[in-house]
Protein backbone atom coordinates (compact mmCIF):
# COMPACT_ATOMS: atom_id res chain seq x y z
CA MET A 1 9.60 31.42 -14.37
CA LYS A 2 5.91 30.93 -14.85
CA GLY A 3 3.75 30.00 -11.88
CA VAL A 4 0.36 28.76 -10.77
CA SER A 5 -1.48 31.77 -9.42
CA GLY A 6 -2.19 32.13 -5.73
CA VAL A 7 -1.14 30.11 -2.73
CA GLN A 8 -2.63 26.63 -2.63
CA ASP A 9 -3.98 25.34 0.68
CA VAL A 10 -2.56 21.80 0.52
CA VAL A 11 -0.46 20.27 -2.24
CA VAL A 12 -0.11 16.50 -2.28
CA VAL A 13 2.85 15.31 -4.36
CA GLY A 14 2.23 11.82 -5.69
CA GLY A 15 -0.62 10.23 -7.60
CA GLY A 16 -0.37 6.67 -6.27
CA LEU A 17 -2.67 5.16 -3.68
CA VAL A 18 -0.94 6.85 -0.72
CA GLY A 19 -1.25 10.29 -2.30
CA LEU A 20 -4.78 9.71 -3.57
CA ALA A 21 -6.08 8.39 -0.23
CA THR A 22 -4.51 11.28 1.66
CA ALA A 23 -5.82 13.84 -0.82
CA HIS A 24 -9.29 12.30 -0.60
CA GLY A 25 -9.23 12.47 3.19
CA LEU A 26 -8.15 16.11 3.21
CA ALA A 27 -10.75 17.03 0.60
CA ARG A 28 -13.46 15.37 2.71
CA ARG A 29 -12.39 17.66 5.56
CA GLY A 30 -13.11 20.66 3.34
CA ARG A 31 -9.56 21.51 2.38
CA GLU A 32 -8.66 22.85 -1.06
CA VAL A 33 -6.32 20.19 -2.35
CA THR A 34 -4.01 20.20 -5.35
CA LEU A 35 -2.61 16.82 -6.38
CA VAL A 36 0.61 16.76 -8.39
CA ALA A 37 0.96 13.46 -10.25
CA GLU A 38 3.43 12.43 -12.92
CA GLY A 39 1.14 9.74 -14.29
CA ASP A 40 2.48 6.63 -15.98
CA ALA A 41 5.98 8.08 -16.27
CA ALA A 42 6.38 7.75 -12.49
CA ARG A 43 5.62 3.99 -12.46
CA PRO A 44 3.81 4.23 -9.12
CA ALA A 45 4.00 1.17 -6.89
CA SER A 46 0.21 1.18 -6.95
CA ALA A 47 0.32 -0.02 -10.56
CA GLY A 48 1.72 -3.35 -9.38
CA ASN A 49 -0.31 -3.74 -6.21
CA PHE A 50 -1.60 -7.27 -5.60
CA GLY A 51 -4.78 -5.89 -4.04
CA LEU A 52 -4.58 -7.55 -0.64
CA ILE A 53 -5.96 -6.01 2.55
CA TRP A 54 -3.69 -8.01 4.77
CA VAL A 55 -3.42 -8.16 8.55
CA GLN A 56 -1.88 -11.51 9.41
CA SER A 57 1.90 -11.41 9.72
CA LYS A 58 2.10 -7.60 9.61
CA GLY A 59 4.40 -5.88 12.08
CA GLN A 60 6.85 -8.45 13.40
CA GLY A 61 9.01 -6.52 15.85
CA MET A 62 6.80 -3.42 15.71
CA PRO A 63 3.46 -3.91 17.51
CA ALA A 64 2.35 -0.44 16.45
CA TYR A 65 2.29 -1.57 12.82
CA SER A 66 0.13 -4.57 13.70
CA ALA A 67 -2.30 -2.21 15.43
CA TRP A 68 -2.27 0.34 12.58
CA THR A 69 -2.88 -2.34 9.96
CA ALA A 70 -5.73 -3.84 11.99
CA ARG A 71 -7.26 -0.40 12.45
CA SER A 72 -7.26 0.21 8.71
CA ALA A 73 -8.79 -3.20 7.98
CA THR A 74 -11.55 -2.40 10.46
CA LEU A 75 -12.22 0.93 8.73
CA TRP A 76 -12.32 -0.62 5.26
CA PRO A 77 -16.00 -1.72 5.06
CA ASP A 78 -17.34 1.79 5.74
CA PHE A 79 -14.60 3.30 3.59
CA ALA A 80 -15.53 1.13 0.58
CA ALA A 81 -19.24 1.77 1.06
CA ARG A 82 -18.68 5.53 1.21
CA LEU A 83 -16.61 5.50 -1.99
CA ALA A 84 -19.35 3.55 -3.76
CA GLU A 85 -21.98 6.01 -2.57
CA GLU A 86 -19.94 9.04 -3.62
CA THR A 87 -18.68 7.76 -6.98
CA GLY A 88 -20.78 4.77 -8.02
CA ILE A 89 -17.57 2.71 -8.23
CA ASP A 90 -17.53 -0.68 -6.53
CA VAL A 91 -13.91 -1.21 -5.47
CA ALA A 92 -14.61 -4.95 -5.08
CA HIS A 93 -13.83 -4.95 -1.38
CA ARG A 94 -14.16 -8.32 0.32
CA GLN A 95 -13.39 -9.13 3.93
CA THR A 96 -13.70 -12.87 3.54
CA GLY A 97 -10.61 -13.84 5.50
CA GLY A 98 -7.30 -14.80 3.94
CA LEU A 99 -4.90 -17.74 3.73
CA HIS A 100 -1.15 -18.10 3.77
CA LEU A 101 -0.65 -21.51 2.13
CA CYS A 102 2.19 -23.82 3.16
CA LEU A 103 3.65 -26.29 0.68
CA GLY A 104 4.90 -29.28 2.65
CA GLU A 105 5.32 -29.93 6.35
CA ALA A 106 8.50 -27.86 6.66
CA GLU A 107 6.63 -24.72 5.62
CA VAL A 108 3.80 -25.59 8.01
CA GLU A 109 6.25 -25.85 10.90
CA GLU A 110 7.96 -22.60 9.96
CA ARG A 111 4.64 -20.77 9.66
CA ALA A 112 3.37 -22.20 12.95
CA ARG A 113 6.48 -20.92 14.73
CA PHE A 114 5.97 -17.49 13.22
CA VAL A 115 2.30 -17.35 14.21
CA ALA A 116 3.20 -18.42 17.76
CA GLN A 117 5.89 -15.74 17.99
CA MET A 118 3.41 -13.10 16.79
CA SER A 119 0.43 -14.27 18.84
CA ASN A 120 0.77 -11.85 21.76
CA GLN A 121 1.56 -8.91 19.49
CA MET A 122 -1.33 -9.61 17.12
CA GLY A 123 -3.69 -10.41 19.99
CA ALA A 124 -3.02 -7.00 21.51
CA ALA A 125 -4.07 -5.48 18.17
CA GLY A 126 -7.29 -7.51 18.14
CA VAL A 127 -6.02 -9.87 15.43
CA ARG A 128 -6.48 -13.63 15.66
CA VAL A 129 -4.48 -15.92 13.38
CA GLU A 130 -4.84 -19.68 13.49
CA MET A 131 -3.16 -22.60 11.80
CA LEU A 132 -5.34 -24.89 9.71
CA ASP A 133 -4.60 -28.50 8.85
CA ARG A 134 -5.32 -29.84 5.39
CA ALA A 135 -8.89 -30.90 6.21
CA ALA A 136 -9.87 -27.54 7.71
CA LEU A 137 -8.17 -25.72 4.86
CA ARG A 138 -10.12 -27.62 2.21
CA GLU A 139 -13.39 -26.53 3.80
CA ILE A 140 -12.40 -22.95 2.93
CA ALA A 141 -10.50 -23.59 -0.32
CA PRO A 142 -11.56 -26.98 -1.79
CA ALA A 143 -9.37 -26.52 -4.87
CA VAL A 144 -6.04 -26.64 -3.02
CA GLY A 145 -3.62 -29.27 -4.24
CA ASP A 146 -2.14 -32.22 -2.41
CA ALA A 147 1.15 -30.35 -2.05
CA VAL A 148 -0.51 -27.90 0.35
CA ALA A 149 -0.03 -29.29 3.87
CA GLY A 150 -1.76 -26.51 5.80
CA ALA A 151 -2.18 -22.76 6.09
CA SER A 152 -2.54 -19.84 8.45
CA TRP A 153 -5.92 -18.11 8.45
CA CYS A 154 -7.08 -14.67 9.58
CA ALA A 155 -10.73 -13.63 9.32
CA MET A 156 -9.78 -9.92 9.13
CA ASP A 157 -7.93 -10.31 5.84
CA GLY A 158 -9.47 -9.44 2.50
CA ASP A 159 -8.84 -7.75 -0.82
CA ALA A 160 -9.94 -4.99 -3.20
CA ASP A 161 -9.30 -3.92 -6.78
CA PRO A 162 -6.42 -1.39 -6.65
CA PHE A 163 -7.27 0.13 -10.04
CA ARG A 164 -10.91 0.71 -9.14
CA LEU A 165 -9.76 2.06 -5.77
CA ALA A 166 -7.46 4.61 -7.40
CA ARG A 167 -10.22 5.73 -9.76
CA ALA A 168 -12.76 6.02 -6.93
CA LEU A 169 -10.40 8.01 -4.70
CA GLY A 170 -9.60 10.41 -7.53
CA ASP A 171 -13.24 10.85 -8.55
CA ALA A 172 -14.39 11.40 -4.96
CA ALA A 173 -11.67 13.96 -4.29
CA ARG A 174 -12.31 15.83 -7.55
CA ALA A 175 -16.02 15.99 -6.71
CA ARG A 176 -14.98 17.83 -3.55
CA GLY A 177 -12.85 20.29 -5.48
CA MET A 178 -9.45 18.62 -5.73
CA ARG A 179 -7.35 19.97 -8.57
CA ARG A 180 -5.00 17.55 -10.36
CA ILE A 181 -1.82 18.64 -12.11
CA GLY A 182 -0.05 16.01 -14.20
CA GLY A 183 2.92 15.68 -16.44
CA ALA A 184 5.93 17.65 -15.29
CA GLY A 185 6.48 16.54 -11.72
CA VAL A 186 8.29 18.35 -8.91
CA ALA A 187 12.00 19.09 -9.21
CA ALA A 188 12.50 20.72 -5.81
CA ILE A 189 10.68 22.20 -2.84
CA ARG A 190 11.80 25.36 -1.04
CA PRO A 191 10.40 27.04 2.06
CA ASP A 192 9.15 30.57 1.42
CA ASP A 193 7.10 33.22 3.20
CA ALA A 194 3.79 31.57 2.20
CA GLY A 195 4.89 28.12 3.28
CA TYR A 196 6.55 26.30 0.37
CA ARG A 197 7.46 26.85 -3.25
CA LEU A 198 7.35 23.80 -5.49
CA GLU A 199 9.59 24.13 -8.53
CA MET A 200 8.22 22.01 -11.37
CA ARG A 201 10.32 20.36 -14.06
CA ASP A 202 8.54 22.34 -16.76
CA GLY A 203 9.70 25.64 -15.25
CA THR A 204 6.46 26.54 -13.46
CA THR A 205 6.07 27.01 -9.73
CA ILE A 206 3.35 26.25 -7.23
CA ARG A 207 3.14 27.92 -3.85
CA ALA A 208 1.46 26.11 -0.98
CA ALA A 209 0.77 26.65 2.68
CA ARG A 210 1.09 22.92 3.36
CA VAL A 211 2.69 20.06 1.47
CA VAL A 212 2.33 16.28 1.68
CA LEU A 213 5.12 14.31 0.00
CA ALA A 214 3.66 10.99 -1.13
CA ALA A 215 5.85 10.45 -4.18
CA GLY A 216 7.06 6.98 -3.23
CA LEU A 217 10.70 6.46 -4.12
CA GLY A 218 10.80 10.07 -5.33
CA ASN A 219 10.46 11.25 -1.74
CA ALA A 220 14.17 10.59 -1.16
CA ALA A 221 15.25 13.27 -3.65
CA LEU A 222 12.53 15.72 -2.61
CA ALA A 223 13.52 15.41 1.05
CA ALA A 224 17.21 15.74 0.15
CA ALA A 225 16.46 19.06 -1.55
CA LEU A 226 15.18 20.20 1.85
CA GLY A 227 18.31 18.93 3.57
CA ARG A 228 16.56 15.91 5.04
CA SER A 229 17.05 12.17 4.85
CA PHE A 230 14.16 9.96 3.78
CA PRO A 231 15.53 6.43 3.42
CA VAL A 232 13.52 4.41 0.93
CA ARG A 233 14.66 1.81 -1.58
CA PRO A 234 12.99 -0.12 -4.41
CA GLN A 235 12.00 -3.76 -4.18
CA ARG A 236 10.63 -5.33 -7.34
CA GLY A 237 7.55 -7.51 -7.37
CA GLN A 238 6.40 -9.41 -10.45
CA ILE A 239 2.80 -10.41 -11.13
CA LEU A 240 1.30 -12.83 -13.65
CA VAL A 241 -2.35 -12.53 -14.68
CA THR A 242 -4.38 -15.34 -16.21
CA GLY A 243 -7.46 -15.17 -18.38
CA ARG A 244 -10.83 -15.54 -16.73
CA LEU A 245 -11.53 -18.88 -15.09
CA PRO A 246 -14.60 -20.39 -13.44
CA ARG A 247 -14.72 -19.45 -9.78
CA PHE A 248 -12.47 -21.79 -7.77
CA LEU A 249 -11.15 -19.51 -5.03
CA GLY A 250 -13.40 -17.45 -2.78
CA VAL A 251 -10.73 -16.02 -0.48
CA PRO A 252 -7.40 -14.33 -1.21
CA THR A 253 -4.06 -15.94 -0.47
CA THR A 254 -0.62 -14.39 -0.30
CA HIS A 255 0.39 -15.84 -3.68
CA VAL A 256 -2.86 -16.40 -5.59
CA ARG A 257 -5.91 -14.14 -5.81
CA GLN A 258 -8.93 -14.58 -8.06
CA THR A 259 -10.52 -11.27 -8.95
CA ALA A 260 -14.20 -10.43 -9.08
CA GLU A 261 -14.07 -10.81 -12.88
CA GLY A 262 -12.56 -14.30 -12.68
CA SER A 263 -8.97 -13.60 -13.74
CA VAL A 264 -6.26 -14.80 -11.37
CA LEU A 265 -3.29 -12.83 -10.06
CA LEU A 266 -0.13 -14.76 -9.22
CA GLY A 267 2.75 -13.09 -7.47
CA ASP A 268 4.59 -12.16 -4.29
CA SER A 269 8.15 -12.02 -5.59
CA LYS A 270 10.60 -9.84 -3.66
CA GLU A 271 13.68 -8.80 -5.64
CA ASP A 272 16.42 -6.30 -4.91
CA VAL A 273 17.30 -5.21 -8.45
CA GLY A 274 17.49 -1.45 -8.11
CA PHE A 275 15.13 0.56 -10.29
CA ASP A 276 14.56 -2.20 -12.85
CA TYR A 277 10.81 -2.81 -13.01
CA GLY A 278 10.98 -5.36 -15.80
CA THR A 279 9.95 -9.02 -15.70
CA THR A 280 12.03 -12.17 -15.98
CA MET A 281 11.24 -15.67 -17.18
CA ALA A 282 13.00 -17.27 -14.20
CA VAL A 283 10.96 -15.48 -11.53
CA GLY A 284 7.77 -15.86 -13.55
CA ALA A 285 8.38 -19.61 -13.72
CA GLN A 286 8.86 -19.80 -9.95
CA ILE A 287 5.64 -17.86 -9.34
CA ALA A 288 3.72 -20.09 -11.74
CA ALA A 289 5.13 -23.30 -10.27
CA ARG A 290 4.08 -22.38 -6.73
CA ALA A 291 0.64 -21.31 -7.94
CA VAL A 292 0.03 -24.58 -9.81
CA ALA A 293 1.25 -26.62 -6.81
CA SER A 294 -1.18 -24.67 -4.65
CA PHE A 295 -4.11 -24.91 -7.08
CA PRO A 296 -3.70 -27.57 -9.79
CA VAL A 297 -6.64 -26.06 -11.72
CA LEU A 298 -4.19 -23.34 -12.77
CA GLY A 299 -2.12 -25.86 -14.72
CA GLY A 300 -4.17 -25.21 -17.85
CA ALA A 301 -4.59 -21.46 -17.35
CA ARG A 302 -3.33 -19.00 -19.97
CA VAL A 303 -1.16 -16.14 -18.75
CA VAL A 304 -2.36 -13.02 -20.55
CA ARG A 305 -0.25 -10.35 -18.87
CA THR A 306 2.84 -9.94 -16.74
CA TRP A 307 4.25 -6.85 -15.11
CA GLY A 308 6.81 -5.68 -12.60
CA ALA A 309 6.54 -2.77 -10.19
CA LEU A 310 8.73 -1.30 -7.49
CA ARG A 311 7.60 -1.41 -3.89
CA VAL A 312 8.63 1.49 -1.68
CA MET A 313 10.62 -0.05 1.16
CA SER A 314 12.05 1.59 4.26
CA PRO A 315 15.12 0.00 5.90
CA ASP A 316 12.91 -2.06 8.24
CA GLY A 317 9.93 -2.48 5.90
CA PHE A 318 7.53 -0.40 8.01
CA PRO A 319 5.86 2.89 6.99
CA ILE A 320 7.45 6.29 7.33
CA TYR A 321 5.22 9.21 8.32
CA GLN A 322 7.58 12.11 8.91
CA THR A 323 7.38 15.73 9.98
CA TRP A 324 10.20 18.09 10.93
CA PRO A 325 9.85 20.83 13.60
CA ASP A 326 11.54 23.46 11.43
CA LEU A 327 9.39 22.61 8.39
CA PRO A 328 5.88 23.28 9.67
CA GLY A 329 3.02 22.08 7.50
CA LEU A 330 5.09 19.50 5.63
CA TRP A 331 4.58 15.73 5.88
CA ALA A 332 6.45 12.96 4.06
CA LEU A 333 4.74 9.57 3.72
CA ALA A 334 5.81 6.20 2.40
CA CYS A 335 4.63 2.61 2.73
CA HIS A 336 4.35 -0.55 0.63
CA SER A 337 0.78 -1.38 1.71
CA GLY A 338 -1.19 1.21 -0.23
CA VAL A 339 -4.39 -0.87 -0.44
CA THR A 340 -4.32 -2.22 3.12
CA LEU A 341 -3.69 1.21 4.63
CA ALA A 342 -5.87 3.27 2.27
CA ALA A 343 -8.72 3.51 4.78
CA ALA A 344 -6.36 4.71 7.52
CA HIS A 345 -4.63 7.17 5.18
CA ALA A 346 -7.96 8.69 4.11
CA GLY A 347 -9.19 8.72 7.72
CA PRO A 348 -7.07 9.16 10.85
CA LEU A 349 -3.83 10.02 9.03
CA ALA A 350 -5.51 12.74 6.93
CA ASP A 351 -7.07 14.05 10.16
CA ALA A 352 -3.60 14.29 11.73
CA ILE A 353 -2.17 16.06 8.68
CA ASP A 354 -5.04 18.54 8.99
CA GLY A 355 -4.11 19.33 12.58
CA GLU A 356 -5.96 16.76 14.67
CA ALA A 357 -4.14 14.65 17.24
CA ALA A 358 -1.94 12.05 15.58
CA PRO A 359 -3.07 8.44 16.04
CA PRO A 360 -0.93 6.81 18.76
CA GLU A 361 -0.08 3.90 16.44
CA ILE A 362 1.99 6.09 14.11
CA ALA A 363 4.28 7.68 16.70
CA GLN A 364 7.07 5.20 15.88
CA PHE A 365 6.85 5.64 12.10
CA THR A 366 9.46 8.40 11.87
CA THR A 367 12.96 8.34 10.43
CA GLU A 368 14.40 8.80 13.92
CA ARG A 369 14.17 5.01 14.39
CA PHE A 370 16.96 4.65 11.82
CA ASP A 371 19.20 7.05 13.74
CA VAL A 372 20.95 4.72 16.21
CA PRO A 373 21.96 7.38 18.81
CA THR A 374 18.46 8.89 18.75
CA ALA A 375 16.76 5.49 18.96
CA LEU A 376 18.94 4.44 21.90
CA ALA A 377 18.31 7.72 23.69
CA GLY A 378 14.57 7.19 23.27
């Protein structure tokens, strides 16, 4: 079996936003990083990311996730500015605030109950979410339709371009010496005397002192090869993209986002369909109908692209950041908020992977929470 010569310092498996942000953070700390990415064949969740940096509503039932999300949103302005300085790429970051629109009074009442239930938890994380009536909403988004009865608003919310972000993270990491290996992908990982041996599907091997598994849904099989459970499942999201339109929306919403170029993204479907990342007319019609009810100006828009992608979901929807005592130097990471958490992944999480103290917010993000006897004992 052929091999890559020498023992690599850190190998990051996964070329999506989680892997790229982590690799970038480790490279900034002076580590020699090798990124293993399968490219388009892997259909990374990042390819279907809606681009939101979203704080409101995150973490119901897990205050640590509210705090972690808020921390990343706070880090984002400096993070985006640093990427622009290092690469010349503007990732189109905006922290303009964001809206969750409610169609009809029933949705307003349901959203108001949710915001009230989350108020103490979000307040402890430094997050303020308020309900807006129709008049206050139209001061922020004048183009909303008459079907919109109100909205929740959070000034910490924002957005960024996920494709520019991926390019900037890769360019910045490569400028600091990151090596990228594409194509074959990892078939299995075995501990050895140097740390770990990664067996590639093309018959080559890579040896590494430390490994970060950030392969999304592929983490389940990689962890299983090490005798470990890593419970993730796919959830499909479909997105419709219109042609460029005159500017009508200056802030992102959960279902409609106008990009810096003027095109409009419509989405937010959540479908349990296994590993099918296709698109369907029925779901597309539902997405379009809600978008037009929210913003009637979209009634004449031309849809130029549609796509589906698979979110990486844990059983409770929160991130997994896992280590195992008998597998030193190995981390396994998964989340479905690759844009929102990119600043935290490139910052405090990368610091922890490199040996610094782990951020207190992430202590609960292990697989032990899915082990009922262990969780009860804790």
